[in-house]
Amino acid sequence: EFVAAISRGGSLKSHADSVKGRFTISRDNAKNTLYLQMNG
C-alpha cells in the first residue's frame, strides 16, 4: 500500500488519504535520509 511520496528536491509531497493529517514525509538531502513522521 502506498503511504507517502516526495520529489527529489522535496517541493512536491503526496500522502495517502488513510494517513493524511497524521503522517508527514520529509527528506534531508544533506544527510542522505528520508523520514516518515507518524503521529496518532
PDB file of all heavy atoms in Angstrom:
ATOM      1  N   GLU A   1       0.821  -1.198   0.000  1.00  0.00           N
ATOM      2  CA  GLU A   1       0.000   0.000   0.000  1.00  0.00           C
ATOM      3  C   GLU A   1       0.859   1.253   0.000  1.00  0.00           C
ATOM      4  O   GLU A   1       1.816   1.368   0.771  1.00  0.00           O
ATOM      5  CB  GLU A   1      -0.911  -0.009   1.231  1.00  0.00           C
ATOM      6  CG  GLU A   1      -1.789   1.214   1.390  1.00  0.00           C
ATOM      7  CD  GLU A   1      -2.542   1.221   2.708  1.00  0.00           C
ATOM      8  OE1 GLU A   1      -2.135   0.486   3.634  1.00  0.00           O
ATOM      9  OE2 GLU A   1      -3.542   1.947   2.818  1.00  0.00           O
ATOM     10  N   PHE A   2       0.496   2.189  -0.842  1.00  0.00           N
ATOM     11  CA  PHE A   2       1.164   3.485  -0.867  1.00  0.00           C
ATOM     12  C   PHE A   2       0.890   4.249   0.419  1.00  0.00           C
ATOM     13  O   PHE A   2      -0.238   4.270   0.911  1.00  0.00           O
ATOM     14  CB  PHE A   2       0.675   4.300  -2.067  1.00  0.00           C
ATOM     15  CG  PHE A   2       1.051   5.745  -2.014  1.00  0.00           C
ATOM     16  CD1 PHE A   2       2.361   6.145  -2.243  1.00  0.00           C
ATOM     17  CD2 PHE A   2       0.103   6.712  -1.741  1.00  0.00           C
ATOM     18  CE1 PHE A   2       2.715   7.484  -2.197  1.00  0.00           C
ATOM     19  CE2 PHE A   2       0.441   8.050  -1.694  1.00  0.00           C
ATOM     20  CZ  PHE A   2       1.757   8.430  -1.921  1.00  0.00           C
ATOM     21  N   VAL A   3       1.919   4.893   0.951  1.00  0.00           N
ATOM     22  CA  VAL A   3       1.784   5.707   2.150  1.00  0.00           C
ATOM     23  C   VAL A   3       2.055   7.177   1.854  1.00  0.00           C
ATOM     24  O   VAL A   3       1.230   8.039   2.144  1.00  0.00           O
ATOM     25  CB  VAL A   3       2.720   5.218   3.272  1.00  0.00           C
ATOM     26  CG1 VAL A   3       2.635   6.137   4.483  1.00  0.00           C
ATOM     27  CG2 VAL A   3       2.379   3.783   3.660  1.00  0.00           C
ATOM     28  N   ALA A   4       3.219   7.464   1.275  1.00  0.00           N
ATOM     29  CA  ALA A   4       3.599   8.847   1.013  1.00  0.00           C
ATOM     30  C   ALA A   4       4.715   8.884  -0.009  1.00  0.00           C
ATOM     31  O   ALA A   4       5.465   7.916  -0.174  1.00  0.00           O
ATOM     32  CB  ALA A   4       4.034   9.552   2.300  1.00  0.00           C
ATOM     33  N   ALA A   5       4.844  10.010  -0.700  1.00  0.00           N
ATOM     34  CA  ALA A   5       5.893  10.185  -1.693  1.00  0.00           C
ATOM     35  C   ALA A   5       6.384  11.618  -1.670  1.00  0.00           C
ATOM     36  O   ALA A   5       5.669  12.530  -1.247  1.00  0.00           O
ATOM     37  CB  ALA A   5       5.387   9.823  -3.089  1.00  0.00           C
ATOM     38  N   ILE A   6       7.611  11.802  -2.158  1.00  0.00           N
ATOM     39  CA  ILE A   6       8.219  13.120  -2.179  1.00  0.00           C
ATOM     40  C   ILE A   6       9.136  13.227  -3.386  1.00  0.00           C
ATOM     41  O   ILE A   6       9.816  12.267  -3.750  1.00  0.00           O
ATOM     42  CB  ILE A   6       8.981  13.386  -0.849  1.00  0.00           C
ATOM     43  CG1 ILE A   6       9.451  14.834  -0.756  1.00  0.00           C
ATOM     44  CG2 ILE A   6      10.142  12.413  -0.697  1.00  0.00           C
ATOM     45  CD1 ILE A   6       9.942  15.200   0.648  1.00  0.00           C
ATOM     46  N   SER A   7       9.138  14.379  -4.023  1.00  0.00           N
ATOM     47  CA  SER A   7      10.018  14.601  -5.159  1.00  0.00           C
ATOM     48  C   SER A   7      11.454  14.761  -4.686  1.00  0.00           C
ATOM     49  O   SER A   7      11.729  14.957  -3.499  1.00  0.00           O
ATOM     50  CB  SER A   7       9.571  15.831  -5.951  1.00  0.00           C
ATOM     51  OG  SER A   7       9.602  16.992  -5.142  1.00  0.00           O
ATOM     52  N   ARG A   8      12.380  14.696  -5.625  1.00  0.00           N
ATOM     53  CA  ARG A   8      13.794  14.650  -5.237  1.00  0.00           C
ATOM     54  C   ARG A   8      14.278  15.916  -4.549  1.00  0.00           C
ATOM     55  O   ARG A   8      15.203  15.867  -3.734  1.00  0.00           O
ATOM     56  CB  ARG A   8      14.670  14.310  -6.445  1.00  0.00           C
ATOM     57  CG  ARG A   8      14.609  15.289  -7.596  1.00  0.00           C
ATOM     58  CD  ARG A   8      15.339  14.674  -8.780  1.00  0.00           C
ATOM     59  NE  ARG A   8      15.470  15.589  -9.907  1.00  0.00           N
ATOM     60  CZ  ARG A   8      15.988  15.258 -11.078  1.00  0.00           C
ATOM     61  NH1 ARG A   8      16.417  14.006 -11.283  1.00  0.00           N
ATOM     62  NH2 ARG A   8      16.074  16.157 -12.045  1.00  0.00           N
ATOM     63  N   GLY A   9      13.662  17.044  -4.855  1.00  0.00           N
ATOM     64  CA  GLY A   9      14.010  18.282  -4.183  1.00  0.00           C
ATOM     65  C   GLY A   9      13.143  18.578  -2.971  1.00  0.00           C
ATOM     66  O   GLY A   9      13.420  19.539  -2.241  1.00  0.00           O
ATOM     67  N   GLY A  10      12.102  17.792  -2.764  1.00  0.00           N
ATOM     68  CA  GLY A  10      11.223  17.970  -1.621  1.00  0.00           C
ATOM     69  C   GLY A  10      10.093  18.955  -1.832  1.00  0.00           C
ATOM     70  O   GLY A  10       9.301  19.181  -0.911  1.00  0.00           O
ATOM     71  N   SER A  11       9.994  19.531  -3.017  1.00  0.00           N
ATOM     72  CA  SER A  11       8.967  20.540  -3.257  1.00  0.00           C
ATOM     73  C   SER A  11       7.582  19.947  -3.453  1.00  0.00           C
ATOM     74  O   SER A  11       6.578  20.636  -3.239  1.00  0.00           O
ATOM     75  CB  SER A  11       9.345  21.391  -4.466  1.00  0.00           C
ATOM     76  OG  SER A  11       9.439  20.602  -5.638  1.00  0.00           O
ATOM     77  N   LEU A  12       7.493  18.693  -3.862  1.00  0.00           N
ATOM     78  CA  LEU A  12       6.223  18.018  -4.070  1.00  0.00           C
ATOM     79  C   LEU A  12       6.082  16.884  -3.071  1.00  0.00           C
ATOM     80  O   LEU A  12       7.006  16.097  -2.882  1.00  0.00           O
ATOM     81  CB  LEU A  12       6.118  17.471  -5.494  1.00  0.00           C
ATOM     82  CG  LEU A  12       6.219  18.476  -6.634  1.00  0.00           C
ATOM     83  CD1 LEU A  12       6.195  17.753  -7.975  1.00  0.00           C
ATOM     84  CD2 LEU A  12       5.083  19.485  -6.561  1.00  0.00           C
ATOM     85  N   LYS A  13       4.903  16.781  -2.444  1.00  0.00           N
ATOM     86  CA  LYS A  13       4.625  15.727  -1.486  1.00  0.00           C
ATOM     87  C   LYS A  13       3.227  15.186  -1.713  1.00  0.00           C
ATOM     88  O   LYS A  13       2.321  15.913  -2.115  1.00  0.00           O
ATOM     89  CB  LYS A  13       4.738  16.235  -0.049  1.00  0.00           C
ATOM     90  CG  LYS A  13       6.115  16.718   0.352  1.00  0.00           C
ATOM     91  CD  LYS A  13       6.112  17.218   1.787  1.00  0.00           C
ATOM     92  CE  LYS A  13       7.480  17.715   2.199  1.00  0.00           C
ATOM     93  NZ  LYS A  13       7.487  18.213   3.600  1.00  0.00           N
ATOM     94  N   SER A  14       3.056  13.911  -1.428  1.00  0.00           N
ATOM     95  CA  SER A  14       1.758  13.279  -1.527  1.00  0.00           C
ATOM     96  C   SER A  14       1.608  12.289  -0.381  1.00  0.00           C
ATOM     97  O   SER A  14       2.549  11.559  -0.065  1.00  0.00           O
ATOM     98  CB  SER A  14       1.601  12.552  -2.872  1.00  0.00           C
ATOM     99  OG  SER A  14       0.332  11.928  -2.973  1.00  0.00           O
ATOM    100  N   HIS A  15       0.432  12.275   0.241  1.00  0.00           N
ATOM    101  CA  HIS A  15       0.138  11.350   1.327  1.00  0.00           C
ATOM    102  C   HIS A  15      -1.174  10.629   1.042  1.00  0.00           C
ATOM    103  O   HIS A  15      -2.129  11.238   0.558  1.00  0.00           O
ATOM    104  CB  HIS A  15       0.020  12.085   2.664  1.00  0.00           C
ATOM    105  CG  HIS A  15       1.281  12.764   3.093  1.00  0.00           C
ATOM    106  ND1 HIS A  15       1.656  14.005   2.620  1.00  0.00           N
ATOM    107  CD2 HIS A  15       2.255  12.373   3.956  1.00  0.00           C
ATOM    108  CE1 HIS A  15       2.806  14.354   3.159  1.00  0.00           C
ATOM    109  NE2 HIS A  15       3.189  13.376   3.979  1.00  0.00           N
ATOM    110  N   ALA A  16      -1.196   9.342   1.340  1.00  0.00           N
ATOM    111  CA  ALA A  16      -2.420   8.576   1.166  1.00  0.00           C
ATOM    112  C   ALA A  16      -3.516   9.131   2.067  1.00  0.00           C
ATOM    113  O   ALA A  16      -3.253   9.633   3.162  1.00  0.00           O
ATOM    114  CB  ALA A  16      -2.169   7.105   1.486  1.00  0.00           C
ATOM    115  N   ASP A  17      -4.764   9.019   1.608  1.00  0.00           N
ATOM    116  CA  ASP A  17      -5.883   9.530   2.396  1.00  0.00           C
ATOM    117  C   ASP A  17      -5.938   8.905   3.789  1.00  0.00           C
ATOM    118  O   ASP A  17      -6.325   9.570   4.759  1.00  0.00           O
ATOM    119  CB  ASP A  17      -7.199   9.272   1.666  1.00  0.00           C
ATOM    120  CG  ASP A  17      -7.382  10.151   0.447  1.00  0.00           C
ATOM    121  OD1 ASP A  17      -6.675  11.167   0.320  1.00  0.00           O
ATOM    122  OD2 ASP A  17      -8.251   9.826  -0.381  1.00  0.00           O
ATOM    123  N   SER A  18      -5.539   7.654   3.904  1.00  0.00           N
ATOM    124  CA  SER A  18      -5.611   6.952   5.172  1.00  0.00           C
ATOM    125  C   SER A  18      -4.657   7.511   6.223  1.00  0.00           C
ATOM    126  O   SER A  18      -4.853   7.265   7.418  1.00  0.00           O
ATOM    127  CB  SER A  18      -5.334   5.461   4.966  1.00  0.00           C
ATOM    128  OG  SER A  18      -4.058   5.252   4.406  1.00  0.00           O
ATOM    129  N   VAL A  19      -3.630   8.241   5.791  1.00  0.00           N
ATOM    130  CA  VAL A  19      -2.646   8.768   6.735  1.00  0.00           C
ATOM    131  C   VAL A  19      -2.571  10.285   6.718  1.00  0.00           C
ATOM    132  O   VAL A  19      -1.849  10.868   7.543  1.00  0.00           O
ATOM    133  CB  VAL A  19      -1.242   8.183   6.476  1.00  0.00           C
ATOM    134  CG1 VAL A  19      -1.287   6.663   6.474  1.00  0.00           C
ATOM    135  CG2 VAL A  19      -0.659   8.712   5.165  1.00  0.00           C
ATOM    136  N   LYS A  20      -3.289  10.922   5.821  1.00  0.00           N
ATOM    137  CA  LYS A  20      -3.234  12.367   5.688  1.00  0.00           C
ATOM    138  C   LYS A  20      -3.620  13.041   7.004  1.00  0.00           C
ATOM    139  O   LYS A  20      -4.621  12.695   7.629  1.00  0.00           O
ATOM    140  CB  LYS A  20      -4.151  12.816   4.554  1.00  0.00           C
ATOM    141  CG  LYS A  20      -3.862  14.197   4.006  1.00  0.00           C
ATOM    142  CD  LYS A  20      -4.632  14.434   2.704  1.00  0.00           C
ATOM    143  CE  LYS A  20      -4.198  13.466   1.614  1.00  0.00           C
ATOM    144  NZ  LYS A  20      -4.928  13.690   0.340  1.00  0.00           N
ATOM    145  N   GLY A  21      -2.814  13.997   7.420  1.00  0.00           N
ATOM    146  CA  GLY A  21      -3.043  14.684   8.673  1.00  0.00           C
ATOM    147  C   GLY A  21      -2.379  14.031   9.861  1.00  0.00           C
ATOM    148  O   GLY A  21      -2.302  14.642  10.934  1.00  0.00           O
ATOM    149  N   ARG A  22      -1.911  12.797   9.698  1.00  0.00           N
ATOM    150  CA  ARG A  22      -1.228  12.081  10.768  1.00  0.00           C
ATOM    151  C   ARG A  22       0.238  11.806  10.455  1.00  0.00           C
ATOM    152  O   ARG A  22       1.088  11.875  11.344  1.00  0.00           O
ATOM    153  CB  ARG A  22      -1.927  10.751  11.058  1.00  0.00           C
ATOM    154  CG  ARG A  22      -3.375  10.898  11.497  1.00  0.00           C
ATOM    155  CD  ARG A  22      -3.964   9.558  11.938  1.00  0.00           C
ATOM    156  NE  ARG A  22      -3.987   8.589  10.843  1.00  0.00           N
ATOM    157  CZ  ARG A  22      -3.351   7.411  10.871  1.00  0.00           C
ATOM    158  NH1 ARG A  22      -2.643   7.054  11.928  1.00  0.00           N
ATOM    159  NH2 ARG A  22      -3.442   6.582   9.836  1.00  0.00           N
ATOM    160  N   PHE A  23       0.528  11.480   9.199  1.00  0.00           N
ATOM    161  CA  PHE A  23       1.893  11.165   8.777  1.00  0.00           C
ATOM    162  C   PHE A  23       2.439  12.306   7.930  1.00  0.00           C
ATOM    163  O   PHE A  23       1.700  12.957   7.185  1.00  0.00           O
ATOM    164  CB  PHE A  23       1.936   9.889   7.930  1.00  0.00           C
ATOM    165  CG  PHE A  23       1.596   8.617   8.649  1.00  0.00           C
ATOM    166  CD1 PHE A  23       1.096   8.610   9.939  1.00  0.00           C
ATOM    167  CD2 PHE A  23       1.786   7.401   8.005  1.00  0.00           C
ATOM    168  CE1 PHE A  23       0.780   7.427  10.583  1.00  0.00           C
ATOM    169  CE2 PHE A  23       1.488   6.212   8.630  1.00  0.00           C
ATOM    170  CZ  PHE A  23       0.982   6.218   9.928  1.00  0.00           C
ATOM    171  N   THR A  24       3.747  12.512   8.007  1.00  0.00           N
ATOM    172  CA  THR A  24       4.402  13.532   7.201  1.00  0.00           C
ATOM    173  C   THR A  24       5.702  12.991   6.632  1.00  0.00           C
ATOM    174  O   THR A  24       6.576  12.553   7.390  1.00  0.00           O
ATOM    175  CB  THR A  24       4.702  14.796   8.022  1.00  0.00           C
ATOM    176  OG1 THR A  24       3.496  15.301   8.603  1.00  0.00           O
ATOM    177  CG2 THR A  24       5.308  15.874   7.131  1.00  0.00           C
ATOM    178  N   ILE A  25       5.825  13.018   5.311  1.00  0.00           N
ATOM    179  CA  ILE A  25       7.060  12.615   4.663  1.00  0.00           C
ATOM    180  C   ILE A  25       7.967  13.838   4.517  1.00  0.00           C
ATOM    181  O   ILE A  25       7.493  14.940   4.266  1.00  0.00           O
ATOM    182  CB  ILE A  25       6.792  11.961   3.290  1.00  0.00           C
ATOM    183  CG1 ILE A  25       8.063  11.312   2.737  1.00  0.00           C
ATOM    184  CG2 ILE A  25       6.207  12.963   2.305  1.00  0.00           C
ATOM    185  CD1 ILE A  25       7.820  10.455   1.498  1.00  0.00           C
ATOM    186  N   SER A  26       9.261  13.626   4.689  1.00  0.00           N
ATOM    187  CA  SER A  26      10.230  14.693   4.510  1.00  0.00           C
ATOM    188  C   SER A  26      11.572  14.086   4.139  1.00  0.00           C
ATOM    189  O   SER A  26      11.754  12.868   4.212  1.00  0.00           O
ATOM    190  CB  SER A  26      10.357  15.553   5.774  1.00  0.00           C
ATOM    191  OG  SER A  26      10.848  14.790   6.864  1.00  0.00           O
ATOM    192  N   ARG A  27      12.499  14.926   3.735  1.00  0.00           N
ATOM    193  CA  ARG A  27      13.829  14.439   3.405  1.00  0.00           C
ATOM    194  C   ARG A  27      14.858  15.484   3.765  1.00  0.00           C
ATOM    195  O   ARG A  27      14.578  16.687   3.754  1.00  0.00           O
ATOM    196  CB  ARG A  27      13.931  14.063   1.916  1.00  0.00           C
ATOM    197  CG  ARG A  27      13.783  15.237   0.961  1.00  0.00           C
ATOM    198  CD  ARG A  27      13.586  14.751  -0.479  1.00  0.00           C
ATOM    199  NE  ARG A  27      14.732  14.015  -0.965  1.00  0.00           N
ATOM    200  CZ  ARG A  27      14.705  13.190  -2.014  1.00  0.00           C
ATOM    201  NH1 ARG A  27      13.572  12.983  -2.676  1.00  0.00           N
ATOM    202  NH2 ARG A  27      15.816  12.563  -2.396  1.00  0.00           N
ATOM    203  N   ASP A  28      16.048  15.016   4.083  1.00  0.00           N
ATOM    204  CA  ASP A  28      17.183  15.874   4.344  1.00  0.00           C
ATOM    205  C   ASP A  28      18.274  15.432   3.382  1.00  0.00           C
ATOM    206  O   ASP A  28      18.980  14.459   3.635  1.00  0.00           O
ATOM    207  CB  ASP A  28      17.641  15.766   5.792  1.00  0.00           C
ATOM    208  CG  ASP A  28      18.712  16.779   6.149  1.00  0.00           C
ATOM    209  OD1 ASP A  28      19.399  17.283   5.240  1.00  0.00           O
ATOM    210  OD2 ASP A  28      18.875  17.078   7.343  1.00  0.00           O
ATOM    211  N   ASN A  29      18.383  16.132   2.269  1.00  0.00           N
ATOM    212  CA  ASN A  29      19.330  15.714   1.241  1.00  0.00           C
ATOM    213  C   ASN A  29      20.782  15.837   1.700  1.00  0.00           C
ATOM    214  O   ASN A  29      21.646  15.111   1.208  1.00  0.00           O
ATOM    215  CB  ASN A  29      19.102  16.517  -0.037  1.00  0.00           C
ATOM    216  CG  ASN A  29      17.857  16.080  -0.783  1.00  0.00           C
ATOM    217  OD1 ASN A  29      17.233  15.074  -0.440  1.00  0.00           O
ATOM    218  ND2 ASN A  29      17.474  16.834  -1.807  1.00  0.00           N
ATOM    219  N   ALA A  30      21.053  16.740   2.626  1.00  0.00           N
ATOM    220  CA  ALA A  30      22.406  16.868   3.157  1.00  0.00           C
ATOM    221  C   ALA A  30      22.810  15.648   3.968  1.00  0.00           C
ATOM    222  O   ALA A  30      23.998  15.348   4.091  1.00  0.00           O
ATOM    223  CB  ALA A  30      22.529  18.126   4.004  1.00  0.00           C
ATOM    224  N   LYS A  31      21.827  14.934   4.530  1.00  0.00           N
ATOM    225  CA  LYS A  31      22.091  13.736   5.324  1.00  0.00           C
ATOM    226  C   LYS A  31      21.769  12.446   4.580  1.00  0.00           C
ATOM    227  O   LYS A  31      21.876  11.363   5.155  1.00  0.00           O
ATOM    228  CB  LYS A  31      21.287  13.783   6.620  1.00  0.00           C
ATOM    229  CG  LYS A  31      21.685  14.914   7.553  1.00  0.00           C
ATOM    230  CD  LYS A  31      20.883  14.862   8.846  1.00  0.00           C
ATOM    231  CE  LYS A  31      21.318  15.956   9.802  1.00  0.00           C
ATOM    232  NZ  LYS A  31      20.551  15.910  11.068  1.00  0.00           N
ATOM    233  N   ASN A  32      21.365  12.548   3.327  1.00  0.00           N
ATOM    234  CA  ASN A  32      21.004  11.382   2.520  1.00  0.00           C
ATOM    235  C   ASN A  32      19.960  10.521   3.225  1.00  0.00           C
ATOM    236  O   ASN A  32      20.050   9.289   3.234  1.00  0.00           O
ATOM    237  CB  ASN A  32      22.236  10.543   2.193  1.00  0.00           C
ATOM    238  CG  ASN A  32      23.173  11.207   1.201  1.00  0.00           C
ATOM    239  OD1 ASN A  32      22.903  12.303   0.711  1.00  0.00           O
ATOM    240  ND2 ASN A  32      24.274  10.557   0.896  1.00  0.00           N
ATOM    241  N   THR A  33      18.957  11.164   3.801  1.00  0.00           N
ATOM    242  CA  THR A  33      17.991  10.447   4.622  1.00  0.00           C
ATOM    243  C   THR A  33      16.565  10.894   4.313  1.00  0.00           C
ATOM    244  O   THR A  33      16.292  12.091   4.180  1.00  0.00           O
ATOM    245  CB  THR A  33      18.274  10.650   6.113  1.00  0.00           C
ATOM    246  OG1 THR A  33      19.618  10.230   6.397  1.00  0.00           O
ATOM    247  CG2 THR A  33      17.322   9.828   6.963  1.00  0.00           C
ATOM    248  N   LEU A  34      15.681   9.919   4.222  1.00  0.00           N
ATOM    249  CA  LEU A  34      14.250  10.112   4.074  1.00  0.00           C
ATOM    250  C   LEU A  34      13.579   9.818   5.413  1.00  0.00           C
ATOM    251  O   LEU A  34      13.993   8.895   6.123  1.00  0.00           O
ATOM    252  CB  LEU A  34      13.709   9.167   3.003  1.00  0.00           C
ATOM    253  CG  LEU A  34      12.204   9.142   2.768  1.00  0.00           C
ATOM    254  CD1 LEU A  34      11.764  10.398   2.019  1.00  0.00           C
ATOM    255  CD2 LEU A  34      11.812   7.885   1.999  1.00  0.00           C
ATOM    256  N   TYR A  35      12.525  10.566   5.740  1.00  0.00           N
ATOM    257  CA  TYR A  35      11.834  10.394   7.010  1.00  0.00           C
ATOM    258  C   TYR A  35      10.339  10.197   6.808  1.00  0.00           C
ATOM    259  O   TYR A  35       9.761  10.658   5.820  1.00  0.00           O
ATOM    260  CB  TYR A  35      12.028  11.616   7.911  1.00  0.00           C
ATOM    261  CG  TYR A  35      13.461  11.938   8.228  1.00  0.00           C
ATOM    262  CD1 TYR A  35      14.133  12.941   7.533  1.00  0.00           C
ATOM    263  CD2 TYR A  35      14.145  11.241   9.218  1.00  0.00           C
ATOM    264  CE1 TYR A  35      15.448  13.244   7.822  1.00  0.00           C
ATOM    265  CE2 TYR A  35      15.458  11.540   9.508  1.00  0.00           C
ATOM    266  CZ  TYR A  35      16.110  12.541   8.811  1.00  0.00           C
ATOM    267  OH  TYR A  35      17.418  12.836   9.103  1.00  0.00           O
ATOM    268  N   LEU A  36       9.730   9.529   7.770  1.00  0.00           N
ATOM    269  CA  LEU A  36       8.280   9.465   7.866  1.00  0.00           C
ATOM    270  C   LEU A  36       7.906   9.674   9.327  1.00  0.00           C
ATOM    271  O   LEU A  36       8.120   8.784  10.159  1.00  0.00           O
ATOM    272  CB  LEU A  36       7.736   8.129   7.360  1.00  0.00           C
ATOM    273  CG  LEU A  36       6.213   8.018   7.337  1.00  0.00           C
ATOM    274  CD1 LEU A  36       5.622   8.961   6.277  1.00  0.00           C
ATOM    275  CD2 LEU A  36       5.767   6.585   7.066  1.00  0.00           C
ATOM    276  N   GLN A  37       7.383  10.844   9.640  1.00  0.00           N
ATOM    277  CA  GLN A  37       6.899  11.130  10.982  1.00  0.00           C
ATOM    278  C   GLN A  37       5.471  10.626  11.085  1.00  0.00           C
ATOM    279  O   GLN A  37       4.608  11.045  10.310  1.00  0.00           O
ATOM    280  CB  GLN A  37       6.955  12.627  11.271  1.00  0.00           C
ATOM    281  CG  GLN A  37       6.455  13.011  12.651  1.00  0.00           C
ATOM    282  CD  GLN A  37       7.334  12.478  13.755  1.00  0.00           C
ATOM    283  OE1 GLN A  37       8.544  12.614  13.699  1.00  0.00           O
ATOM    284  NE2 GLN A  37       6.727  11.854  14.755  1.00  0.00           N
ATOM    285  N   MET A  38       5.212   9.748  12.035  1.00  0.00           N
ATOM    286  CA  MET A  38       3.912   9.125  12.202  1.00  0.00           C
ATOM    287  C   MET A  38       3.358   9.502  13.566  1.00  0.00           C
ATOM    288  O   MET A  38       3.918   9.116  14.594  1.00  0.00           O
ATOM    289  CB  MET A  38       4.010   7.606  12.060  1.00  0.00           C
ATOM    290  CG  MET A  38       4.645   7.154  10.758  1.00  0.00           C
ATOM    291  SD  MET A  38       4.582   5.352  10.535  1.00  0.00           S
ATOM    292  CE  MET A  38       5.640   4.839  11.899  1.00  0.00           C
ATOM    293  N   ASN A  39       2.268  10.244  13.566  1.00  0.00           N
ATOM    294  CA  ASN A  39       1.581  10.643  14.783  1.00  0.00           C
ATOM    295  C   ASN A  39       0.185  10.054  14.803  1.00  0.00           C
ATOM    296  O   ASN A  39      -0.367   9.695  13.771  1.00  0.00           O
ATOM    297  CB  ASN A  39       1.502  12.166  14.880  1.00  0.00           C
ATOM    298  CG  ASN A  39       2.851  12.837  14.909  1.00  0.00           C
ATOM    299  OD1 ASN A  39       3.810  12.304  15.475  1.00  0.00           O
ATOM    300  ND2 ASN A  39       2.939  14.018  14.312  1.00  0.00           N
ATOM    301  N   GLY A  40      -0.398   9.992  15.982  1.00  0.00           N
ATOM    302  CA  GLY A  40      -1.748   9.466  16.107  1.00  0.00           C
ATOM    303  C   GLY A  40      -1.898   8.073  15.536  1.00  0.00           C
ATOM    304  O   GLY A  40      -2.870   7.787  14.826  1.00  0.00           O
TER     305      GLY A  40
END
